[in-house]
Amino acid sequence: PPGDWAAGERGIAALPGREEEFRASIETALAY
């Protein structure tokens, strides 16, 4: 998951402060 793509975000892996969201995105991807 890339963050808010519609708002212009293009990933969050290098964004300080988004660590919890990034961890959750890993689990989301694992379902797929």
Full PDB file with SEQRES, HELIX, SHEET, SSBOND, CRYST1, ORIGX, SCALE, CONECT and MASTER records, all heavy atoms in Angstrom:
SEQRES   1 A   32  PRO PRO GLY ASP TRP ALA ALA GLY GLU ARG GLY ILE ALA          
SEQRES   2 A   32  ALA LEU PRO GLY ARG GLU GLU GLU PHE ARG ALA SER ILE          
SEQRES   3 A   32  GLU THR ALA LEU ALA TYR                                      
HELIX    1 AA1 TRP A    5  ALA A    7  5                                   3    
HELIX    2 AA2 GLU A   19  ALA A   31  1                                  13    
CRYST1    1.000    1.000    1.000  90.00  90.00  90.00 P 1           1          
ORIGX1      1.000000  0.000000  0.000000        0.00000                         
ORIGX2      0.000000  1.000000  0.000000        0.00000                         
ORIGX3      0.000000  0.000000  1.000000        0.00000                         
SCALE1      1.000000  0.000000  0.000000        0.00000                         
SCALE2      0.000000  1.000000  0.000000        0.00000                         
SCALE3      0.000000  0.000000  1.000000        0.00000                         
ATOM      1  N   PRO A   1       0.832  -1.201   0.000  1.00  0.00           N  
ATOM      2  CA  PRO A   1       0.000   0.000   0.000  1.00  0.00           C  
ATOM      3  C   PRO A   1       0.871   1.257   0.000  1.00  0.00           C  
ATOM      4  O   PRO A   1       1.869   1.337   0.737  1.00  0.00           O  
ATOM      5  CB  PRO A   1      -0.812  -0.127   1.292  1.00  0.00           C  
ATOM      6  CG  PRO A   1      -0.908  -1.612   1.517  1.00  0.00           C  
ATOM      7  CD  PRO A   1       0.420  -2.158   1.050  1.00  0.00           C  
ATOM      8  N   PRO A   2       0.498   2.283  -0.809  1.00  0.00           N  
ATOM      9  CA  PRO A   2       1.375   3.435  -1.015  1.00  0.00           C  
ATOM     10  C   PRO A   2       1.069   4.663  -0.179  1.00  0.00           C  
ATOM     11  O   PRO A   2       1.613   5.730  -0.438  1.00  0.00           O  
ATOM     12  CB  PRO A   2       1.123   3.747  -2.482  1.00  0.00           C  
ATOM     13  CG  PRO A   2      -0.354   3.479  -2.648  1.00  0.00           C  
ATOM     14  CD  PRO A   2      -0.641   2.283  -1.760  1.00  0.00           C  
ATOM     15  N   GLY A   3       0.197   4.528   0.813  1.00  0.00           N  
ATOM     16  CA  GLY A   3      -0.295   5.739   1.465  1.00  0.00           C  
ATOM     17  C   GLY A   3      -1.510   6.245   0.717  1.00  0.00           C  
ATOM     18  O   GLY A   3      -2.248   5.479   0.085  1.00  0.00           O  
ATOM     19  N   ASP A   4      -1.728   7.542   0.736  1.00  0.00           N  
ATOM     20  CA  ASP A   4      -2.890   8.143   0.065  1.00  0.00           C  
ATOM     21  C   ASP A   4      -2.519   8.489  -1.377  1.00  0.00           C  
ATOM     22  O   ASP A   4      -2.088   9.605  -1.674  1.00  0.00           O  
ATOM     23  CB  ASP A   4      -3.344   9.388   0.828  1.00  0.00           C  
ATOM     24  CG  ASP A   4      -4.690   9.905   0.343  1.00  0.00           C  
ATOM     25  OD1 ASP A   4      -5.116   9.533  -0.774  1.00  0.00           O  
ATOM     26  OD2 ASP A   4      -5.322  10.677   1.077  1.00  0.00           O  
ATOM     27  N   TRP A   5      -2.685   7.530  -2.265  1.00  0.00           N  
ATOM     28  CA  TRP A   5      -2.299   7.705  -3.672  1.00  0.00           C  
ATOM     29  C   TRP A   5      -3.073   8.851  -4.318  1.00  0.00           C  
ATOM     30  O   TRP A   5      -2.504   9.665  -5.057  1.00  0.00           O  
ATOM     31  CB  TRP A   5      -2.541   6.404  -4.416  1.00  0.00           C  
ATOM     32  CG  TRP A   5      -2.061   6.373  -5.832  1.00  0.00           C  
ATOM     33  CD1 TRP A   5      -2.769   6.695  -6.950  1.00  0.00           C  
ATOM     34  CD2 TRP A   5      -0.749   6.005  -6.290  1.00  0.00           C  
ATOM     35  NE1 TRP A   5      -1.985   6.547  -8.080  1.00  0.00           N  
ATOM     36  CE2 TRP A   5      -0.750   6.118  -7.694  1.00  0.00           C  
ATOM     37  CE3 TRP A   5       0.410   5.584  -5.649  1.00  0.00           C  
ATOM     38  CZ2 TRP A   5       0.371   5.828  -8.468  1.00  0.00           C  
ATOM     39  CZ3 TRP A   5       1.532   5.282  -6.419  1.00  0.00           C  
ATOM     40  CH2 TRP A   5       1.501   5.414  -7.810  1.00  0.00           C  
ATOM     41  N   ALA A   6      -4.366   8.931  -4.046  1.00  0.00           N  
ATOM     42  CA  ALA A   6      -5.196   9.971  -4.663  1.00  0.00           C  
ATOM     43  C   ALA A   6      -4.746  11.368  -4.252  1.00  0.00           C  
ATOM     44  O   ALA A   6      -4.905  12.328  -5.012  1.00  0.00           O  
ATOM     45  CB  ALA A   6      -6.663   9.757  -4.288  1.00  0.00           C  
ATOM     46  N   ALA A   7      -4.160  11.480  -3.075  1.00  0.00           N  
ATOM     47  CA  ALA A   7      -3.675  12.774  -2.591  1.00  0.00           C  
ATOM     48  C   ALA A   7      -2.248  13.060  -3.038  1.00  0.00           C  
ATOM     49  O   ALA A   7      -1.686  14.094  -2.674  1.00  0.00           O  
ATOM     50  CB  ALA A   7      -3.760  12.827  -1.070  1.00  0.00           C  
ATOM     51  N   GLY A   8      -1.654  12.134  -3.798  1.00  0.00           N  
ATOM     52  CA  GLY A   8      -0.322  12.363  -4.330  1.00  0.00           C  
ATOM     53  C   GLY A   8       0.797  11.613  -3.637  1.00  0.00           C  
ATOM     54  O   GLY A   8       1.958  11.746  -4.036  1.00  0.00           O  
ATOM     55  N   GLU A   9       0.469  10.843  -2.615  1.00  0.00           N  
ATOM     56  CA  GLU A   9       1.525  10.070  -1.958  1.00  0.00           C  
ATOM     57  C   GLU A   9       1.970   8.917  -2.850  1.00  0.00           C  
ATOM     58  O   GLU A   9       1.160   8.315  -3.576  1.00  0.00           O  
ATOM     59  CB  GLU A   9       1.044   9.548  -0.604  1.00  0.00           C  
ATOM     60  CG  GLU A   9       0.844  10.665   0.403  1.00  0.00           C  
ATOM     61  CD  GLU A   9       0.619  10.159   1.813  1.00  0.00           C  
ATOM     62  OE1 GLU A   9       0.008   9.094   1.973  1.00  0.00           O  
ATOM     63  OE2 GLU A   9       1.058  10.859   2.748  1.00  0.00           O  
ATOM     64  N   ARG A  10       3.261   8.600  -2.758  1.00  0.00           N  
ATOM     65  CA  ARG A  10       3.848   7.565  -3.607  1.00  0.00           C  
ATOM     66  C   ARG A  10       4.695   6.608  -2.764  1.00  0.00           C  
ATOM     67  O   ARG A  10       5.828   6.326  -3.053  1.00  0.00           O  
ATOM     68  CB  ARG A  10       4.681   8.207  -4.731  1.00  0.00           C  
ATOM     69  CG  ARG A  10       3.863   9.031  -5.729  1.00  0.00           C  
ATOM     70  CD  ARG A  10       2.881   8.146  -6.473  1.00  0.00           C  
ATOM     71  NE  ARG A  10       2.085   8.851  -7.464  1.00  0.00           N  
ATOM     72  CZ  ARG A  10       0.833   9.293  -7.263  1.00  0.00           C  
ATOM     73  NH1 ARG A  10       0.270   9.129  -6.066  1.00  0.00           N  
ATOM     74  NH2 ARG A  10       0.159   9.885  -8.236  1.00  0.00           N  
ATOM     75  N   GLY A  11       4.084   6.107  -1.724  1.00  0.00           N  
ATOM     76  CA  GLY A  11       4.769   5.246  -0.788  1.00  0.00           C  
ATOM     77  C   GLY A  11       5.069   5.978   0.503  1.00  0.00           C  
ATOM     78  O   GLY A  11       5.066   7.224   0.556  1.00  0.00           O  
ATOM     79  N   ILE A  12       5.343   5.204   1.564  1.00  0.00           N  
ATOM     80  CA  ILE A  12       5.577   5.809   2.879  1.00  0.00           C  
ATOM     81  C   ILE A  12       6.814   5.247   3.571  1.00  0.00           C  
ATOM     82  O   ILE A  12       7.111   5.628   4.701  1.00  0.00           O  
ATOM     83  CB  ILE A  12       4.348   5.638   3.795  1.00  0.00           C  
ATOM     84  CG1 ILE A  12       4.009   4.146   3.981  1.00  0.00           C  
ATOM     85  CG2 ILE A  12       3.156   6.399   3.237  1.00  0.00           C  
ATOM     86  CD1 ILE A  12       2.870   3.898   4.976  1.00  0.00           C  
ATOM     87  N   ALA A  13       7.561   4.384   2.905  1.00  0.00           N  
ATOM     88  CA  ALA A  13       8.657   3.673   3.568  1.00  0.00           C  
ATOM     89  C   ALA A  13       9.774   4.597   4.033  1.00  0.00           C  
ATOM     90  O   ALA A  13      10.501   4.256   4.966  1.00  0.00           O  
ATOM     91  CB  ALA A  13       9.227   2.596   2.648  1.00  0.00           C  
ATOM     92  N   ALA A  14       9.938   5.746   3.386  1.00  0.00           N  
ATOM     93  CA  ALA A  14      11.009   6.673   3.773  1.00  0.00           C  
ATOM     94  C   ALA A  14      10.485   7.895   4.524  1.00  0.00           C  
ATOM     95  O   ALA A  14      11.229   8.863   4.713  1.00  0.00           O  
ATOM     96  CB  ALA A  14      11.781   7.126   2.531  1.00  0.00           C  
ATOM     97  N   LEU A  15       9.246   7.844   4.976  1.00  0.00           N  
ATOM     98  CA  LEU A  15       8.630   9.018   5.602  1.00  0.00           C  
ATOM     99  C   LEU A  15       8.632   8.885   7.120  1.00  0.00           C  
ATOM    100  O   LEU A  15       7.865   8.080   7.685  1.00  0.00           O  
ATOM    101  CB  LEU A  15       7.194   9.189   5.098  1.00  0.00           C  
ATOM    102  CG  LEU A  15       7.003   9.267   3.571  1.00  0.00           C  
ATOM    103  CD1 LEU A  15       5.547   9.594   3.249  1.00  0.00           C  
ATOM    104  CD2 LEU A  15       7.949  10.287   2.943  1.00  0.00           C  
ATOM    105  N   PRO A  16       9.459   9.656   7.822  1.00  0.00           N  
ATOM    106  CA  PRO A  16       9.440   9.625   9.287  1.00  0.00           C  
ATOM    107  C   PRO A  16       8.051   9.973   9.822  1.00  0.00           C  
ATOM    108  O   PRO A  16       7.352  10.835   9.288  1.00  0.00           O  
ATOM    109  CB  PRO A  16      10.460  10.709   9.669  1.00  0.00           C  
ATOM    110  CG  PRO A  16      11.375  10.808   8.481  1.00  0.00           C  
ATOM    111  CD  PRO A  16      10.489  10.574   7.297  1.00  0.00           C  
ATOM    112  N   GLY A  17       7.647   9.268  10.868  1.00  0.00           N  
ATOM    113  CA  GLY A  17       6.347   9.499  11.467  1.00  0.00           C  
ATOM    114  C   GLY A  17       5.241   8.608  10.943  1.00  0.00           C  
ATOM    115  O   GLY A  17       4.134   8.617  11.473  1.00  0.00           O  
ATOM    116  N   ARG A  18       5.556   7.821   9.903  1.00  0.00           N  
ATOM    117  CA  ARG A  18       4.532   6.934   9.317  1.00  0.00           C  
ATOM    118  C   ARG A  18       4.820   5.460   9.619  1.00  0.00           C  
ATOM    119  O   ARG A  18       4.295   4.573   8.948  1.00  0.00           O  
ATOM    120  CB  ARG A  18       4.472   7.158   7.800  1.00  0.00           C  
ATOM    121  CG  ARG A  18       4.245   8.594   7.364  1.00  0.00           C  
ATOM    122  CD  ARG A  18       2.837   9.078   7.680  1.00  0.00           C  
ATOM    123  NE  ARG A  18       1.849   8.447   6.828  1.00  0.00           N  
ATOM    124  CZ  ARG A  18       1.540   8.879   5.588  1.00  0.00           C  
ATOM    125  NH1 ARG A  18       2.167   9.928   5.067  1.00  0.00           N  
ATOM    126  NH2 ARG A  18       0.614   8.262   4.890  1.00  0.00           N  
ATOM    127  N   GLU A  19       5.623   5.222  10.631  1.00  0.00           N  
ATOM    128  CA  GLU A  19       6.075   3.860  10.906  1.00  0.00           C  
ATOM    129  C   GLU A  19       4.937   2.906  11.255  1.00  0.00           C  
ATOM    130  O   GLU A  19       4.929   1.749  10.794  1.00  0.00           O  
ATOM    131  CB  GLU A  19       7.121   3.864  12.035  1.00  0.00           C  
ATOM    132  CG  GLU A  19       8.457   4.480  11.643  1.00  0.00           C  
ATOM    133  CD  GLU A  19       8.490   6.005  11.790  1.00  0.00           C  
ATOM    134  OE1 GLU A  19       7.450   6.591  12.169  1.00  0.00           O  
ATOM    135  OE2 GLU A  19       9.568   6.585  11.540  1.00  0.00           O  
ATOM    136  N   GLU A  20       3.993   3.348  12.046  1.00  0.00           N  
ATOM    137  CA  GLU A  20       2.881   2.461  12.421  1.00  0.00           C  
ATOM    138  C   GLU A  20       2.046   2.111  11.191  1.00  0.00           C  
ATOM    139  O   GLU A  20       1.636   0.957  11.010  1.00  0.00           O  
ATOM    140  CB  GLU A  20       2.016   3.123  13.494  1.00  0.00           C  
ATOM    141  CG  GLU A  20       2.660   3.178  14.865  1.00  0.00           C  
ATOM    142  CD  GLU A  20       2.910   1.783  15.438  1.00  0.00           C  
ATOM    143  OE1 GLU A  20       2.092   0.870  15.184  1.00  0.00           O  
ATOM    144  OE2 GLU A  20       3.932   1.610  16.130  1.00  0.00           O  
ATOM    145  N   GLU A  21       1.787   3.098  10.371  1.00  0.00           N  
ATOM    146  CA  GLU A  21       1.026   2.849   9.141  1.00  0.00           C  
ATOM    147  C   GLU A  21       1.792   1.891   8.229  1.00  0.00           C  
ATOM    148  O   GLU A  21       1.200   1.014   7.589  1.00  0.00           O  
ATOM    149  CB  GLU A  21       0.766   4.170   8.420  1.00  0.00           C  
ATOM    150  CG  GLU A  21      -0.068   4.034   7.165  1.00  0.00           C  
ATOM    151  CD  GLU A  21      -0.291   5.367   6.469  1.00  0.00           C  
ATOM    152  OE1 GLU A  21       0.012   6.412   7.071  1.00  0.00           O  
ATOM    153  OE2 GLU A  21      -0.755   5.356   5.313  1.00  0.00           O  
ATOM    154  N   PHE A  22       3.111   2.047   8.187  1.00  0.00           N  
ATOM    155  CA  PHE A  22       3.903   1.160   7.350  1.00  0.00           C  
ATOM    156  C   PHE A  22       3.824  -0.275   7.858  1.00  0.00           C  
ATOM    157  O   PHE A  22       3.661  -1.216   7.063  1.00  0.00           O  
ATOM    158  CB  PHE A  22       5.359   1.627   7.293  1.00  0.00           C  
ATOM    159  CG  PHE A  22       6.219   0.727   6.463  1.00  0.00           C  
ATOM    160  CD1 PHE A  22       6.135   0.754   5.075  1.00  0.00           C  
ATOM    161  CD2 PHE A  22       7.083  -0.169   7.064  1.00  0.00           C  
ATOM    162  CE1 PHE A  22       6.900  -0.100   4.301  1.00  0.00           C  
ATOM    163  CE2 PHE A  22       7.866  -1.024   6.296  1.00  0.00           C  
ATOM    164  CZ  PHE A  22       7.773  -0.993   4.911  1.00  0.00           C  
ATOM    165  N   ARG A  23       3.926  -0.461   9.152  1.00  0.00           N  
ATOM    166  CA  ARG A  23       3.826  -1.808   9.707  1.00  0.00           C  
ATOM    167  C   ARG A  23       2.483  -2.439   9.354  1.00  0.00           C  
ATOM    168  O   ARG A  23       2.404  -3.621   8.996  1.00  0.00           O  
ATOM    169  CB  ARG A  23       4.013  -1.781  11.229  1.00  0.00           C  
ATOM    170  CG  ARG A  23       5.475  -1.738  11.650  1.00  0.00           C  
ATOM    171  CD  ARG A  23       5.621  -1.980  13.142  1.00  0.00           C  
ATOM    172  NE  ARG A  23       5.263  -0.809  13.916  1.00  0.00           N  
ATOM    173  CZ  ARG A  23       6.119   0.169  14.220  1.00  0.00           C  
ATOM    174  NH1 ARG A  23       7.369   0.120  13.801  1.00  0.00           N  
ATOM    175  NH2 ARG A  23       5.728   1.203  14.937  1.00  0.00           N  
ATOM    176  N   ALA A  24       1.423  -1.654   9.451  1.00  0.00           N  
ATOM    177  CA  ALA A  24       0.095  -2.174   9.114  1.00  0.00           C  
ATOM    178  C   ALA A  24       0.000  -2.523   7.632  1.00  0.00           C  
ATOM    179  O   ALA A  24      -0.676  -3.486   7.250  1.00  0.00           O  
ATOM    180  CB  ALA A  24      -0.975  -1.150   9.496  1.00  0.00           C  
ATOM    181  N   SER A  25       0.686  -1.756   6.799  1.00  0.00           N  
ATOM    182  CA  SER A  25       0.620  -2.010   5.353  1.00  0.00           C  
ATOM    183  C   SER A  25       1.239  -3.356   4.993  1.00  0.00           C  
ATOM    184  O   SER A  25       0.804  -4.008   4.021  1.00  0.00           O  
ATOM    185  CB  SER A  25       1.312  -0.882   4.582  1.00  0.00           C  
ATOM    186  OG  SER A  25       2.730  -1.001   4.598  1.00  0.00           O  
ATOM    187  N   ILE A  26       2.237  -3.788   5.736  1.00  0.00           N  
ATOM    188  CA  ILE A  26       2.845  -5.101   5.499  1.00  0.00           C  
ATOM    189  C   ILE A  26       1.809  -6.195   5.721  1.00  0.00           C  
ATOM    190  O   ILE A  26       1.675  -7.127   4.912  1.00  0.00           O  
ATOM    191  CB  ILE A  26       4.061  -5.312   6.413  1.00  0.00           C  
ATOM    192  CG1 ILE A  26       5.160  -4.299   6.098  1.00  0.00           C  
ATOM    193  CG2 ILE A  26       4.585  -6.739   6.287  1.00  0.00           C  
ATOM    194  CD1 ILE A  26       6.318  -4.323   7.094  1.00  0.00           C  
ATOM    195  N   GLU A  27       1.049  -6.078   6.803  1.00  0.00           N  
ATOM    196  CA  GLU A  27       0.044  -7.094   7.106  1.00  0.00           C  
ATOM    197  C   GLU A  27      -1.079  -7.074   6.075  1.00  0.00           C  
ATOM    198  O   GLU A  27      -1.607  -8.129   5.693  1.00  0.00           O  
ATOM    199  CB  GLU A  27      -0.514  -6.879   8.515  1.00  0.00           C  
ATOM    200  CG  GLU A  27       0.548  -6.917   9.609  1.00  0.00           C  
ATOM    201  CD  GLU A  27       1.412  -8.165   9.543  1.00  0.00           C  
ATOM    202  OE1 GLU A  27       0.854  -9.282   9.422  1.00  0.00           O  
ATOM    203  OE2 GLU A  27       2.656  -8.029   9.624  1.00  0.00           O  
ATOM    204  N   THR A  28      -1.447  -5.889   5.604  1.00  0.00           N  
ATOM    205  CA  THR A  28      -2.452  -5.790   4.547  1.00  0.00           C  
ATOM    206  C   THR A  28      -1.986  -6.523   3.290  1.00  0.00           C  
ATOM    207  O   THR A  28      -2.728  -7.300   2.681  1.00  0.00           O  
ATOM    208  CB  THR A  28      -2.738  -4.319   4.213  1.00  0.00           C  
ATOM    209  OG1 THR A  28      -3.277  -3.670   5.365  1.00  0.00           O  
ATOM    210  CG2 THR A  28      -3.722  -4.195   3.060  1.00  0.00           C  
ATOM    211  N   ALA A  29      -0.741  -6.280   2.922  1.00  0.00           N  
ATOM    212  CA  ALA A  29      -0.202  -6.925   1.716  1.00  0.00           C  
ATOM    213  C   ALA A  29      -0.140  -8.434   1.867  1.00  0.00           C  
ATOM    214  O   ALA A  29      -0.371  -9.179   0.906  1.00  0.00           O  
ATOM    215  CB  ALA A  29       1.185  -6.369   1.411  1.00  0.00           C  
ATOM    216  N   LEU A  30       0.157  -8.918   3.070  1.00  0.00           N  
ATOM    217  CA  LEU A  30       0.290 -10.358   3.275  1.00  0.00           C  
ATOM    218  C   LEU A  30      -1.005 -11.116   2.994  1.00  0.00           C  
ATOM    219  O   LEU A  30      -0.970 -12.272   2.541  1.00  0.00           O  
ATOM    220  CB  LEU A  30       0.770 -10.645   4.693  1.00  0.00           C  
ATOM    221  CG  LEU A  30       2.274 -10.513   4.919  1.00  0.00           C  
ATOM    222  CD1 LEU A  30       2.604 -10.610   6.405  1.00  0.00           C  
ATOM    223  CD2 LEU A  30       3.033 -11.593   4.140  1.00  0.00           C  
ATOM    224  N   ALA A  31      -2.138 -10.486   3.222  1.00  0.00           N  
ATOM    225  CA  ALA A  31      -3.411 -11.148   2.899  1.00  0.00           C  
ATOM    226  C   ALA A  31      -3.499 -11.441   1.408  1.00  0.00           C  
ATOM    227  O   ALA A  31      -3.995 -12.503   0.995  1.00  0.00           O  
ATOM    228  CB  ALA A  31      -4.584 -10.282   3.344  1.00  0.00           C  
ATOM    229  N   TYR A  32      -2.992 -10.530   0.583  1.00  0.00           N  
ATOM    230  CA  TYR A  32      -3.003 -10.719  -0.874  1.00  0.00           C  
ATOM    231  C   TYR A  32      -1.878 -11.659  -1.317  1.00  0.00           C  
ATOM    232  O   TYR A  32      -2.025 -12.383  -2.306  1.00  0.00           O  
ATOM    233  CB  TYR A  32      -2.900  -9.369  -1.568  1.00  0.00           C  
ATOM    234  CG  TYR A  32      -4.118  -8.516  -1.356  1.00  0.00           C  
ATOM    235  CD1 TYR A  32      -4.257  -7.726  -0.203  1.00  0.00           C  
ATOM    236  CD2 TYR A  32      -5.152  -8.501  -2.285  1.00  0.00           C  
ATOM    237  CE1 TYR A  32      -5.388  -6.966   0.011  1.00  0.00           C  
ATOM    238  CE2 TYR A  32      -6.289  -7.727  -2.080  1.00  0.00           C  
ATOM    239  CZ  TYR A  32      -6.395  -6.971  -0.928  1.00  0.00           C  
ATOM    240  OH  TYR A  32      -7.531  -6.209  -0.719  1.00  0.00           O  
TER     241      TYR A  32                                                      
MASTER        0    0    0    2    0    0    0    6  240    1    0    3          
END                                                                             
